[in-house]
């Protein structure tokens, strides 16, 4: 388990423009990140899950299913998979990526981006 700040890169499956991600860093949640493998009852198979636990007492959890590490560099990493929401009594899966910062400050964005 590691302490990170996590920023969701998609909202309901729609990509957030990269230029807005840096602006949203201050609203990124600090918390604990862990990656585990477990059996999912809905999918009827083993899945790799990323769990991000946050809140004063660790009582909130975001989960990323079928998680893959896309890249890790300079204290930043992107995890990709899908998140599950309950809509009108049914589950709906959305593509999702998490930008995670290990530490407290985001690295500066190079000029021209």
Protein backbone atom coordinates (compact mmCIF):
# COMPACT_ATOMS: atom_id res chain seq x y z
CA UNK A 1 0.00 0.00 0.00
CA UNK A 2 1.28 3.50 -0.81
CA UNK A 3 0.16 7.04 -0.07
CA UNK A 4 -0.73 8.98 -3.23
CA UNK A 5 -2.87 11.80 -4.53
CA UNK A 6 -5.28 10.48 -7.16
CA UNK A 7 -6.93 12.36 -9.98
CA UNK A 8 -9.53 10.70 -12.22
CA UNK A 9 -8.76 11.29 -15.89
CA UNK A 10 -12.30 10.53 -17.08
CA UNK A 11 -15.78 11.57 -15.99
CA UNK A 12 -18.44 8.92 -16.73
CA UNK A 13 -16.09 7.45 -19.35
CA UNK A 14 -15.39 10.77 -21.11
CA UNK A 15 -11.76 11.93 -21.13
CA UNK A 16 -10.94 15.13 -19.23
CA UNK A 17 -8.78 17.38 -21.48
CA UNK A 18 -5.13 17.14 -20.41
CA UNK A 19 -4.83 20.92 -20.03
CA UNK A 20 -7.49 20.77 -17.29
CA UNK A 21 -5.82 17.96 -15.32
CA UNK A 22 -3.06 20.21 -13.95
CA UNK A 23 -5.69 22.75 -12.84
CA UNK A 24 -7.61 19.99 -11.03
CA UNK A 25 -4.56 18.82 -9.03
CA UNK A 26 -5.56 20.87 -5.96
CA UNK A 27 -8.83 18.95 -5.79
CA UNK A 28 -7.05 15.58 -6.06
CA UNK A 29 -7.73 13.37 -3.09
CA UNK A 30 -4.88 12.11 -0.90
CA UNK A 31 -5.30 8.50 0.18
CA UNK A 32 -3.96 4.96 0.20
CA UNK A 33 -3.55 2.94 -2.99
CA UNK A 34 -3.37 -0.84 -3.12
CA UNK A 35 -3.58 -3.32 -5.99
CA UNK A 36 -4.98 -6.79 -5.29
CA UNK A 37 -6.23 -9.80 -7.21
CA UNK A 38 -9.62 -11.19 -6.23
CA UNK A 39 -12.60 -13.12 -7.59
CA UNK A 40 -15.36 -10.86 -8.84
CA UNK A 41 -18.83 -12.33 -8.33
CA UNK A 42 -20.38 -10.31 -11.18
CA UNK A 43 -17.68 -11.14 -13.74
CA UNK A 44 -17.22 -14.75 -12.50
CA UNK A 45 -13.43 -14.58 -12.82
CA UNK A 46 -10.25 -13.33 -11.21
CA UNK A 47 -9.73 -9.59 -11.57
CA UNK A 48 -6.93 -7.24 -10.61
CA UNK A 49 -8.35 -4.33 -8.59
CA UNK A 50 -6.85 -1.01 -7.60
CA UNK A 51 -8.44 0.34 -4.42
CA UNK A 52 -8.03 3.95 -3.44
CA UNK A 53 -9.10 4.56 0.16
CA UNK A 54 -9.56 8.11 1.40
CA UNK A 55 -11.44 10.21 3.92
CA UNK A 56 -10.78 11.09 7.53
CA UNK A 57 -11.31 7.49 8.66
CA UNK A 58 -10.60 5.73 5.34
CA UNK A 59 -14.31 5.19 4.89
CA UNK A 60 -14.46 6.02 1.14
CA UNK A 61 -13.17 3.66 -1.52
CA UNK A 62 -12.84 4.07 -5.29
CA UNK A 63 -12.22 0.86 -7.22
CA UNK A 64 -10.66 0.36 -10.63
CA UNK A 65 -11.33 -3.07 -12.19
CA UNK A 66 -8.96 -4.95 -14.56
CA UNK A 67 -6.28 -2.44 -13.67
CA UNK A 68 -3.09 -2.04 -15.72
CA UNK A 69 -0.10 0.17 -15.04
CA UNK A 70 0.33 2.27 -18.19
CA UNK A 71 3.45 4.16 -17.07
CA UNK A 72 5.42 5.26 -14.01
CA UNK A 73 7.92 8.13 -14.05
CA UNK A 74 9.18 10.84 -11.68
CA UNK A 75 6.75 9.99 -8.89
CA UNK A 76 3.72 9.86 -11.23
CA UNK A 77 1.85 6.89 -12.64
CA UNK A 78 -1.25 6.18 -14.67
CA UNK A 79 -3.46 3.19 -13.90
CA UNK A 80 -6.12 2.23 -16.42
CA UNK A 81 -9.19 -0.01 -16.21
CA UNK A 82 -12.90 0.47 -15.66
CA UNK A 83 -15.06 1.73 -12.83
CA UNK A 84 -18.51 0.47 -11.96
CA UNK A 85 -21.47 2.69 -11.05
CA UNK A 86 -25.01 1.80 -10.11
CA UNK A 87 -27.53 3.61 -12.33
CA UNK A 88 -31.28 2.93 -12.06
CA UNK A 89 -30.71 -0.28 -10.09
CA UNK A 90 -28.26 -1.64 -12.72
CA UNK A 91 -24.50 -1.63 -12.86
CA UNK A 92 -22.81 0.41 -15.57
CA UNK A 93 -19.09 0.10 -16.40
CA UNK A 94 -17.07 3.08 -17.62
CA UNK A 95 -13.51 3.32 -18.91
CA UNK A 96 -11.35 5.09 -16.35
CA UNK A 97 -7.73 6.08 -15.78
CA UNK A 98 -6.19 7.40 -12.59
CA UNK A 99 -3.26 9.79 -12.52
CA UNK A 100 -1.48 9.17 -9.23
CA UNK A 101 1.14 11.39 -7.61
CA UNK A 102 3.46 9.75 -5.09
CA UNK A 103 4.32 12.61 -2.73
CA UNK A 104 2.58 15.94 -2.39
CA UNK A 105 3.45 18.27 -5.26
CA UNK A 106 2.89 17.72 -8.98
CA UNK A 107 5.95 18.11 -11.16
CA UNK A 108 5.93 21.21 -13.37
CA UNK A 109 4.43 20.85 -16.83
CA UNK A 110 7.08 21.43 -19.52
CA UNK A 111 6.58 24.49 -21.72
CA UNK A 112 4.69 23.87 -24.95
CA UNK A 113 2.18 21.40 -23.53
